[in-house]
Amino acid sequence: MPMTTVTTRPSLDEIRGWLGDVPDPEVPAVSVMDLGIVRDVQWSGDELVVAITPTYSGCPATSVIAFDIETALRQRGIENLRIERRLSPPWTTDWVTEEGKRRLEAYGIAPPAEEAGGPSPFERLLRKPLVIACPRCKSENTRRISEFGSTPCKAQYQCHDCLEPFDYFKCI
């Protein structure tokens, strides 16, 4: 898309709409807005400030996300721009939108199955394992293969009915 110069300041809703087109680099089926990574969008005088919170503090994709957001906004003519990283409060899967959960599932990743801040790690050891439905065939006849999947925020599961492995986006 050719770069244009903004002559009138776009609304925050318009900017959020543009950010809804910026894909997450690790799961391109969902946007940075779907995942709740974009925490705030505000004008500070004539400077646009976009606050982002990575899914975890050491997320290697954070720099790519910031670059992709900056690129998308500059292509829309926003020149005076600052990307802020906010680590507090920490990101939580509660911030994933319903549309984001739907898109994760359509992409083959089971979305978070419970609210973040649920049982403590010790309580999780003592309770029955979560029932995670297969995103492909919807069967609940699944089992966790590994606590860690392709990224630290996902666990690896397998469906016993369709036999497909799949990632589960863990509650954080």
N, C-alpha and C. Protein backbone atom coordinates (compact mmCIF):
# COMPACT_ATOMS: atom_id res chain seq x y z
N MET A 1 0.85 -1.16 0.00
CA MET A 1 0.00 0.00 0.00
C MET A 1 0.90 1.23 0.00
N PRO A 2 0.65 2.21 -0.91
CA PRO A 2 1.48 3.40 -0.94
C PRO A 2 1.22 4.26 0.30
N MET A 3 2.28 4.94 0.75
CA MET A 3 2.15 5.78 1.94
C MET A 3 1.44 7.07 1.56
N THR A 4 0.52 7.49 2.41
CA THR A 4 -0.17 8.75 2.23
C THR A 4 0.07 9.61 3.45
N THR A 5 -0.04 10.90 3.29
CA THR A 5 0.12 11.80 4.42
C THR A 5 -1.25 12.11 4.98
N VAL A 6 -1.37 12.02 6.30
CA VAL A 6 -2.63 12.28 6.97
C VAL A 6 -2.82 13.79 7.06
N THR A 7 -3.94 14.30 6.55
CA THR A 7 -4.22 15.73 6.64
C THR A 7 -5.16 16.01 7.80
N THR A 8 -6.04 15.09 8.12
CA THR A 8 -6.87 15.21 9.30
C THR A 8 -6.55 14.03 10.20
N ARG A 9 -6.63 14.29 11.48
CA ARG A 9 -6.27 13.26 12.45
C ARG A 9 -7.35 12.18 12.47
N PRO A 10 -6.94 10.91 12.24
CA PRO A 10 -7.93 9.82 12.27
C PRO A 10 -8.44 9.59 13.69
N SER A 11 -9.65 9.08 13.79
CA SER A 11 -10.22 8.79 15.10
C SER A 11 -9.53 7.57 15.70
N LEU A 12 -9.64 7.45 17.01
CA LEU A 12 -9.06 6.29 17.68
C LEU A 12 -9.73 4.99 17.23
N ASP A 13 -11.04 5.04 16.96
CA ASP A 13 -11.73 3.85 16.46
C ASP A 13 -11.19 3.45 15.09
N GLU A 14 -10.92 4.45 14.23
CA GLU A 14 -10.36 4.15 12.92
C GLU A 14 -8.98 3.51 13.06
N ILE A 15 -8.17 4.04 13.97
CA ILE A 15 -6.83 3.50 14.20
C ILE A 15 -6.92 2.08 14.74
N ARG A 16 -7.82 1.85 15.69
CA ARG A 16 -8.00 0.48 16.21
C ARG A 16 -8.42 -0.47 15.09
N GLY A 17 -9.24 0.02 14.18
CA GLY A 17 -9.63 -0.80 13.02
C GLY A 17 -8.43 -1.17 12.17
N TRP A 18 -7.53 -0.21 11.96
CA TRP A 18 -6.30 -0.50 11.20
C TRP A 18 -5.46 -1.54 11.93
N LEU A 19 -5.37 -1.40 13.25
CA LEU A 19 -4.58 -2.34 14.04
C LEU A 19 -5.21 -3.74 14.04
N GLY A 20 -6.52 -3.80 13.81
CA GLY A 20 -7.20 -5.08 13.69
C GLY A 20 -6.77 -5.87 12.46
N ASP A 21 -6.05 -5.20 11.56
CA ASP A 21 -5.52 -5.87 10.36
C ASP A 21 -4.06 -6.29 10.52
N VAL A 22 -3.46 -5.99 11.69
CA VAL A 22 -2.06 -6.36 11.93
C VAL A 22 -2.04 -7.75 12.55
N PRO A 23 -1.54 -8.75 11.81
CA PRO A 23 -1.56 -10.12 12.33
C PRO A 23 -0.49 -10.35 13.41
N ASP A 24 -0.79 -11.26 14.30
CA ASP A 24 0.21 -11.72 15.26
C ASP A 24 1.25 -12.50 14.45
N PRO A 25 2.55 -12.25 14.66
CA PRO A 25 3.56 -12.94 13.83
C PRO A 25 3.63 -14.45 14.08
N GLU A 26 3.23 -14.93 15.25
CA GLU A 26 3.30 -16.36 15.53
C GLU A 26 2.03 -17.09 15.15
N VAL A 27 0.89 -16.39 15.20
CA VAL A 27 -0.40 -16.97 14.82
C VAL A 27 -1.09 -15.96 13.91
N PRO A 28 -0.75 -15.95 12.62
CA PRO A 28 -1.25 -14.90 11.72
C PRO A 28 -2.76 -14.90 11.50
N ALA A 29 -3.46 -15.90 11.97
CA ALA A 29 -4.92 -15.93 11.82
C ALA A 29 -5.60 -14.95 12.77
N VAL A 30 -4.88 -14.48 13.79
CA VAL A 30 -5.45 -13.53 14.74
C VAL A 30 -4.63 -12.24 14.70
N SER A 31 -5.31 -11.14 15.00
CA SER A 31 -4.63 -9.85 14.99
C SER A 31 -4.12 -9.50 16.38
N VAL A 32 -3.29 -8.48 16.43
CA VAL A 32 -2.79 -8.00 17.72
C VAL A 32 -3.94 -7.44 18.56
N MET A 33 -5.00 -7.01 17.90
CA MET A 33 -6.19 -6.55 18.63
C MET A 33 -6.96 -7.76 19.17
N ASP A 34 -7.11 -8.82 18.35
CA ASP A 34 -7.80 -10.05 18.78
C ASP A 34 -7.17 -10.62 20.04
N LEU A 35 -5.83 -10.58 20.11
CA LEU A 35 -5.13 -11.17 21.24
C LEU A 35 -5.08 -10.24 22.46
N GLY A 36 -5.50 -9.01 22.29
CA GLY A 36 -5.46 -8.07 23.41
C GLY A 36 -4.07 -7.55 23.70
N ILE A 37 -3.17 -7.66 22.74
CA ILE A 37 -1.80 -7.17 22.90
C ILE A 37 -1.78 -5.64 22.89
N VAL A 38 -2.64 -5.03 22.06
CA VAL A 38 -2.73 -3.57 22.04
C VAL A 38 -3.58 -3.16 23.25
N ARG A 39 -2.96 -2.51 24.20
CA ARG A 39 -3.63 -2.15 25.45
C ARG A 39 -4.28 -0.78 25.39
N ASP A 40 -3.69 0.14 24.63
CA ASP A 40 -4.21 1.49 24.61
C ASP A 40 -3.77 2.19 23.34
N VAL A 41 -4.63 3.05 22.84
CA VAL A 41 -4.31 3.90 21.69
C VAL A 41 -4.82 5.29 22.06
N GLN A 42 -3.90 6.25 22.12
CA GLN A 42 -4.27 7.60 22.53
C GLN A 42 -3.48 8.64 21.75
N TRP A 43 -4.10 9.78 21.54
CA TRP A 43 -3.37 10.93 21.03
C TRP A 43 -2.82 11.68 22.23
N SER A 44 -1.55 12.01 22.19
CA SER A 44 -0.93 12.87 23.19
C SER A 44 -0.43 14.09 22.43
N GLY A 45 -1.25 15.11 22.40
CA GLY A 45 -0.96 16.24 21.52
C GLY A 45 -1.07 15.78 20.09
N ASP A 46 -0.01 15.96 19.31
CA ASP A 46 -0.04 15.50 17.91
C ASP A 46 0.68 14.16 17.74
N GLU A 47 1.04 13.51 18.86
CA GLU A 47 1.73 12.22 18.80
C GLU A 47 0.74 11.09 19.13
N LEU A 48 0.75 10.06 18.29
CA LEU A 48 -0.06 8.88 18.57
C LEU A 48 0.76 7.92 19.42
N VAL A 49 0.20 7.50 20.55
CA VAL A 49 0.87 6.58 21.45
C VAL A 49 0.08 5.27 21.45
N VAL A 50 0.76 4.19 21.10
CA VAL A 50 0.15 2.86 21.10
C VAL A 50 0.88 2.05 22.16
N ALA A 51 0.13 1.60 23.16
CA ALA A 51 0.71 0.78 24.24
C ALA A 51 0.44 -0.69 23.94
N ILE A 52 1.50 -1.49 24.02
CA ILE A 52 1.35 -2.93 23.79
C ILE A 52 1.87 -3.69 25.01
N THR A 53 1.24 -4.81 25.28
CA THR A 53 1.66 -5.70 26.35
C THR A 53 1.93 -7.07 25.73
N PRO A 54 3.17 -7.54 25.80
CA PRO A 54 3.47 -8.86 25.22
C PRO A 54 2.76 -9.96 26.00
N THR A 55 2.55 -11.09 25.33
CA THR A 55 1.87 -12.20 25.98
C THR A 55 2.67 -12.75 27.16
N TYR A 56 3.96 -12.58 27.15
CA TYR A 56 4.78 -12.80 28.34
C TYR A 56 6.02 -11.93 28.19
N SER A 57 6.65 -11.58 29.29
CA SER A 57 7.70 -10.55 29.27
C SER A 57 8.87 -10.89 28.35
N GLY A 58 9.16 -12.16 28.14
CA GLY A 58 10.27 -12.55 27.28
C GLY A 58 9.85 -12.93 25.88
N CYS A 59 8.65 -12.58 25.48
CA CYS A 59 8.15 -12.98 24.17
C CYS A 59 9.05 -12.45 23.06
N PRO A 60 9.63 -13.34 22.25
CA PRO A 60 10.54 -12.89 21.20
C PRO A 60 9.84 -12.16 20.06
N ALA A 61 8.53 -12.26 19.99
CA ALA A 61 7.80 -11.61 18.90
C ALA A 61 7.45 -10.15 19.21
N THR A 62 7.73 -9.68 20.42
CA THR A 62 7.33 -8.33 20.81
C THR A 62 7.92 -7.26 19.89
N SER A 63 9.19 -7.39 19.56
CA SER A 63 9.82 -6.40 18.67
C SER A 63 9.20 -6.43 17.28
N VAL A 64 8.89 -7.63 16.80
CA VAL A 64 8.26 -7.76 15.49
C VAL A 64 6.86 -7.14 15.52
N ILE A 65 6.13 -7.37 16.60
CA ILE A 65 4.79 -6.79 16.74
C ILE A 65 4.87 -5.27 16.72
N ALA A 66 5.79 -4.70 17.49
CA ALA A 66 5.95 -3.24 17.52
C ALA A 66 6.30 -2.72 16.12
N PHE A 67 7.20 -3.40 15.43
CA PHE A 67 7.59 -2.99 14.08
C PHE A 67 6.41 -3.07 13.12
N ASP A 68 5.63 -4.16 13.19
CA ASP A 68 4.48 -4.33 12.30
C ASP A 68 3.42 -3.27 12.56
N ILE A 69 3.19 -2.92 13.83
CA ILE A 69 2.23 -1.86 14.17
C ILE A 69 2.72 -0.54 13.61
N GLU A 70 3.98 -0.24 13.84
CA GLU A 70 4.55 1.01 13.34
C GLU A 70 4.45 1.08 11.82
N THR A 71 4.79 0.00 11.15
CA THR A 71 4.73 -0.03 9.68
C THR A 71 3.30 0.20 9.20
N ALA A 72 2.33 -0.49 9.81
CA ALA A 72 0.93 -0.34 9.39
C ALA A 72 0.44 1.09 9.57
N LEU A 73 0.81 1.71 10.67
CA LEU A 73 0.34 3.08 10.93
C LEU A 73 1.06 4.10 10.06
N ARG A 74 2.33 3.88 9.82
CA ARG A 74 3.06 4.81 8.94
C ARG A 74 2.54 4.70 7.51
N GLN A 75 2.15 3.51 7.08
CA GLN A 75 1.56 3.36 5.75
C GLN A 75 0.23 4.11 5.64
N ARG A 76 -0.40 4.35 6.76
CA ARG A 76 -1.65 5.12 6.79
C ARG A 76 -1.40 6.61 6.97
N GLY A 77 -0.11 6.99 7.00
CA GLY A 77 0.23 8.41 7.07
C GLY A 77 0.49 8.94 8.46
N ILE A 78 0.52 8.09 9.46
CA ILE A 78 0.81 8.54 10.83
C ILE A 78 2.32 8.64 10.96
N GLU A 79 2.84 9.83 11.11
CA GLU A 79 4.28 10.03 11.19
C GLU A 79 4.76 10.18 12.63
N ASN A 80 4.02 10.91 13.45
CA ASN A 80 4.43 11.16 14.82
C ASN A 80 3.85 10.07 15.70
N LEU A 81 4.64 9.05 15.97
CA LEU A 81 4.15 7.81 16.57
C LEU A 81 5.14 7.29 17.60
N ARG A 82 4.59 6.78 18.70
CA ARG A 82 5.43 6.14 19.73
C ARG A 82 4.76 4.84 20.15
N ILE A 83 5.54 3.76 20.18
CA ILE A 83 5.06 2.47 20.67
C ILE A 83 5.62 2.29 22.08
N GLU A 84 4.75 2.09 23.06
CA GLU A 84 5.16 1.86 24.44
C GLU A 84 4.95 0.39 24.78
N ARG A 85 5.89 -0.19 25.49
CA ARG A 85 5.71 -1.55 26.00
C ARG A 85 5.29 -1.44 27.46
N ARG A 86 4.17 -2.06 27.78
CA ARG A 86 3.67 -2.07 29.15
C ARG A 86 3.69 -3.50 29.67
N LEU A 87 4.40 -3.69 30.75
CA LEU A 87 4.48 -5.02 31.34
C LEU A 87 3.54 -5.17 32.53
N SER A 88 2.94 -4.06 32.98
CA SER A 88 2.05 -4.11 34.13
C SER A 88 0.77 -3.36 33.78
N PRO A 89 -0.37 -3.98 33.96
CA PRO A 89 -0.53 -5.35 34.42
C PRO A 89 -0.09 -6.32 33.32
N PRO A 90 0.34 -7.51 33.73
CA PRO A 90 0.78 -8.49 32.73
C PRO A 90 -0.39 -8.96 31.87
N TRP A 91 -0.05 -9.33 30.64
CA TRP A 91 -1.05 -9.83 29.70
C TRP A 91 -1.72 -11.07 30.27
N THR A 92 -2.98 -11.24 29.96
CA THR A 92 -3.74 -12.40 30.38
C THR A 92 -4.61 -12.88 29.22
N THR A 93 -4.87 -14.16 29.18
CA THR A 93 -5.74 -14.69 28.12
C THR A 93 -7.17 -14.16 28.25
N ASP A 94 -7.50 -13.55 29.39
CA ASP A 94 -8.81 -12.92 29.51
C ASP A 94 -8.96 -11.77 28.51
N TRP A 95 -7.84 -11.25 28.01
CA TRP A 95 -7.87 -10.13 27.06
C TRP A 95 -8.09 -10.59 25.62
N VAL A 96 -8.06 -11.88 25.35
CA VAL A 96 -8.33 -12.39 24.00
C VAL A 96 -9.82 -12.17 23.73
N THR A 97 -10.14 -11.54 22.62
CA THR A 97 -11.53 -11.25 22.29
C THR A 97 -12.27 -12.53 21.88
N GLU A 98 -13.58 -12.47 21.89
CA GLU A 98 -14.37 -13.61 21.42
C GLU A 98 -14.05 -13.92 19.96
N GLU A 99 -13.86 -12.86 19.16
CA GLU A 99 -13.48 -13.06 17.76
C GLU A 99 -12.11 -13.72 17.68
N GLY A 100 -11.20 -13.33 18.56
CA GLY A 100 -9.87 -13.95 18.60
C GLY A 100 -9.96 -15.43 18.94
N LYS A 101 -10.81 -15.79 19.89
CA LYS A 101 -10.99 -17.20 20.26
C LYS A 101 -11.55 -17.98 19.08
N ARG A 102 -12.50 -17.39 18.39
CA ARG A 102 -13.09 -18.05 17.22
C ARG A 102 -12.03 -18.26 16.14
N ARG A 103 -11.22 -17.24 15.91
CA ARG A 103 -10.17 -17.34 14.88
C ARG A 103 -9.08 -18.35 15.26
N LEU A 104 -8.72 -18.40 16.54
CA LEU A 104 -7.75 -19.41 16.98
C LEU A 104 -8.26 -20.80 16.67
N GLU A 105 -9.52 -21.06 17.02
CA GLU A 105 -10.09 -22.38 16.81
C GLU A 105 -10.16 -22.71 15.32
N ALA A 106 -10.56 -21.74 14.50
CA ALA A 106 -10.63 -21.98 13.06
C ALA A 106 -9.25 -22.26 12.47
N TYR A 107 -8.22 -21.73 13.10
CA TYR A 107 -6.83 -21.92 12.67
C TYR A 107 -6.28 -23.27 13.14
N GLY A 108 -6.99 -23.93 14.06
CA GLY A 108 -6.55 -25.24 14.56
C GLY A 108 -5.92 -25.20 15.94
N ILE A 109 -6.07 -24.09 16.65
CA ILE A 109 -5.56 -23.95 18.00
C ILE A 109 -6.74 -23.83 18.95
N ALA A 110 -6.79 -24.70 19.95
CA ALA A 110 -7.88 -24.64 20.92
C ALA A 110 -7.70 -23.37 21.76
N PRO A 111 -8.74 -22.53 21.84
CA PRO A 111 -8.62 -21.30 22.63
C PRO A 111 -8.63 -21.59 24.13
N PRO A 112 -8.26 -20.61 24.94
CA PRO A 112 -8.27 -20.81 26.39
C PRO A 112 -9.62 -21.33 26.87
N ALA A 113 -9.58 -22.33 27.76
CA ALA A 113 -10.81 -22.99 28.19
C ALA A 113 -11.32 -22.52 29.54
N GLU A 114 -10.56 -21.65 30.19
CA GLU A 114 -10.99 -21.15 31.48
C GLU A 114 -10.46 -19.74 31.66
N GLU A 115 -10.95 -19.07 32.68
CA GLU A 115 -10.49 -17.72 32.95
C GLU A 115 -9.10 -17.77 33.57
N ALA A 116 -8.28 -16.80 33.24
CA ALA A 116 -6.97 -16.69 33.88
C ALA A 116 -7.18 -16.36 35.35
N GLY A 117 -6.17 -16.62 36.14
CA GLY A 117 -6.28 -16.36 37.57
C GLY A 117 -7.09 -17.42 38.28
N GLY A 118 -7.28 -18.55 37.63
CA GLY A 118 -8.03 -19.66 38.22
C GLY A 118 -7.19 -20.38 39.26
N PRO A 119 -7.24 -21.67 39.27
CA PRO A 119 -6.52 -22.44 40.28
C PRO A 119 -5.02 -22.17 40.27
N SER A 120 -4.42 -22.28 41.44
CA SER A 120 -2.97 -22.13 41.53
C SER A 120 -2.31 -23.34 40.87
N PRO A 121 -1.01 -23.25 40.56
CA PRO A 121 -0.33 -24.42 39.98
C PRO A 121 -0.48 -25.67 40.85
N PHE A 122 -0.43 -25.51 42.18
CA PHE A 122 -0.58 -26.66 43.06
C PHE A 122 -1.98 -27.25 42.94
N GLU A 123 -3.01 -26.39 42.91
CA GLU A 123 -4.39 -26.87 42.77
C GLU A 123 -4.59 -27.57 41.43
N ARG A 124 -3.90 -27.10 40.39
CA ARG A 124 -4.02 -27.74 39.08
C ARG A 124 -3.47 -29.16 39.11
N LEU A 125 -2.43 -29.39 39.90
CA LEU A 125 -1.87 -30.74 40.01
C LEU A 125 -2.85 -31.71 40.65
N LEU A 126 -3.68 -31.22 41.56
CA LEU A 126 -4.59 -32.08 42.31
C LEU A 126 -5.94 -32.29 41.63
N ARG A 127 -6.29 -31.46 40.69
CA ARG A 127 -7.60 -31.58 40.06
C ARG A 127 -7.53 -32.43 38.80
N LYS A 128 -8.70 -32.77 38.32
CA LYS A 128 -8.77 -33.50 37.05
C LYS A 128 -8.25 -32.59 35.94
N PRO A 129 -7.61 -33.18 34.93
CA PRO A 129 -7.12 -32.36 33.81
C PRO A 129 -8.28 -31.65 33.11
N LEU A 130 -7.98 -30.52 32.52
CA LEU A 130 -8.97 -29.79 31.74
C LEU A 130 -9.44 -30.65 30.56
N VAL A 131 -10.69 -30.53 30.22
CA VAL A 131 -11.20 -31.16 29.01
C VAL A 131 -11.09 -30.11 27.91
N ILE A 132 -10.23 -30.38 26.96
CA ILE A 132 -9.98 -29.45 25.86
C ILE A 132 -10.52 -30.09 24.58
N ALA A 133 -11.49 -29.42 23.98
CA ALA A 133 -12.09 -29.94 22.75
C ALA A 133 -11.14 -29.76 21.58
N CYS A 134 -11.10 -30.74 20.72
CA CYS A 134 -10.29 -30.69 19.50
C CYS A 134 -10.85 -29.58 18.60
N PRO A 135 -10.00 -28.65 18.14
CA PRO A 135 -10.50 -27.59 17.28
C PRO A 135 -10.90 -28.07 15.88
N ARG A 136 -10.50 -29.28 15.52
CA ARG A 136 -10.82 -29.80 14.19
C ARG A 136 -12.16 -30.54 14.17
N CYS A 137 -12.30 -31.52 15.08
CA CYS A 137 -13.51 -32.36 15.04
C CYS A 137 -14.45 -32.11 16.22
N LYS A 138 -14.03 -31.25 17.16
CA LYS A 138 -14.82 -30.86 18.34
C LYS A 138 -14.95 -31.96 19.39
N SER A 139 -14.27 -33.07 19.22
CA SER A 139 -14.32 -34.15 20.20
C SER A 139 -13.65 -33.70 21.50
N GLU A 140 -14.18 -34.16 22.61
CA GLU A 140 -13.55 -33.89 23.90
C GLU A 140 -12.69 -35.08 24.35
N ASN A 141 -12.54 -36.05 23.49
CA ASN A 141 -11.72 -37.22 23.76
C ASN A 141 -10.27 -36.90 23.40
N THR A 142 -9.65 -36.03 24.21
CA THR A 142 -8.30 -35.55 23.94
C THR A 142 -7.42 -35.76 25.17
N ARG A 143 -6.12 -35.65 24.94
CA ARG A 143 -5.19 -35.72 26.08
C ARG A 143 -4.02 -34.79 25.83
N ARG A 144 -3.49 -34.29 26.92
CA ARG A 144 -2.32 -33.42 26.82
C ARG A 144 -1.08 -34.27 26.60
N ILE A 145 -0.31 -33.94 25.60
CA ILE A 145 0.94 -34.63 25.28
C ILE A 145 2.10 -33.95 26.00
N SER A 146 2.07 -32.62 25.99
CA SER A 146 3.15 -31.86 26.60
C SER A 146 2.60 -30.54 27.13
N GLU A 147 3.12 -30.10 28.25
CA GLU A 147 2.71 -28.81 28.83
C GLU A 147 3.13 -27.66 27.93
N PHE A 148 4.13 -27.88 27.07
CA PHE A 148 4.61 -26.82 26.20
C PHE A 148 4.49 -27.25 24.75
N GLY A 149 3.90 -26.35 23.95
CA GLY A 149 3.72 -26.60 22.52
C GLY A 149 4.75 -25.84 21.71
N SER A 150 4.30 -25.30 20.59
CA SER A 150 5.22 -24.60 19.69
C SER A 150 5.75 -23.30 20.28
N THR A 151 5.04 -22.74 21.26
CA THR A 151 5.51 -21.57 22.00
C THR A 151 5.17 -21.80 23.47
N PRO A 152 5.81 -21.08 24.39
CA PRO A 152 5.55 -21.31 25.82
C PRO A 152 4.10 -21.04 26.24
N CYS A 153 3.37 -20.27 25.46
CA CYS A 153 1.98 -19.97 25.85
C CYS A 153 1.00 -21.03 25.35
N LYS A 154 1.51 -22.10 24.74
CA LYS A 154 0.64 -23.17 24.25
C LYS A 154 1.08 -24.51 24.81
N ALA A 155 0.11 -25.41 24.96
CA ALA A 155 0.38 -26.80 25.33
C ALA A 155 0.02 -27.67 24.14
N GLN A 156 0.64 -28.83 24.04
CA GLN A 156 0.38 -29.75 22.92
C GLN A 156 -0.60 -30.83 23.36
N TYR A 157 -1.66 -31.00 22.58
CA TYR A 157 -2.69 -32.01 22.84
C TYR A 157 -2.82 -32.91 21.62
N GLN A 158 -3.53 -34.04 21.82
CA GLN A 158 -3.86 -34.92 20.70
C GLN A 158 -5.29 -35.39 20.88
N CYS A 159 -6.00 -35.45 19.77
CA CYS A 159 -7.37 -35.94 19.77
C CYS A 159 -7.33 -37.46 19.54
N HIS A 160 -8.09 -38.20 20.36
CA HIS A 160 -8.14 -39.65 20.19
C HIS A 160 -9.14 -40.08 19.12
N ASP A 161 -10.01 -39.18 18.70
CA ASP A 161 -10.99 -39.53 17.67
C ASP A 161 -10.45 -39.29 16.26
N CYS A 162 -9.96 -38.08 16.00
CA CYS A 162 -9.43 -37.81 14.65
C CYS A 162 -7.91 -38.01 14.58
N LEU A 163 -7.29 -38.26 15.74
CA LEU A 163 -5.86 -38.56 15.88
C LEU A 163 -4.93 -37.39 15.57
N GLU A 164 -5.50 -36.21 15.38
CA GLU A 164 -4.68 -35.04 15.06
C GLU A 164 -4.09 -34.41 16.32
N PRO A 165 -2.82 -34.01 16.26
CA PRO A 165 -2.26 -33.20 17.35
C PRO A 165 -2.72 -31.75 17.16
N PHE A 166 -2.78 -31.00 18.26
CA PHE A 166 -3.14 -29.60 18.16
C PHE A 166 -2.60 -28.85 19.36
N ASP A 167 -2.44 -27.54 19.17
CA ASP A 167 -2.02 -26.67 20.26
C ASP A 167 -3.24 -26.20 21.03
N TYR A 168 -3.04 -25.99 22.32
CA TYR A 168 -4.04 -25.37 23.19
C TYR A 168 -3.43 -24.10 23.73
N PHE A 169 -4.09 -22.99 23.55
CA PHE A 169 -3.61 -21.70 24.04
C PHE A 169 -3.90 -21.64 25.54
N LYS A 170 -2.87 -21.83 26.36
CA LYS A 170 -3.03 -21.95 27.80
C LYS A 170 -3.54 -20.66 28.43
N CYS A 171 -4.26 -20.81 29.52
CA CYS A 171 -4.71 -19.65 30.30
C CYS A 171 -3.51 -19.08 31.04
N ILE A 172 -3.35 -17.81 30.90
CA ILE A 172 -2.26 -17.13 31.58
C ILE A 172 -2.85 -15.98 32.37
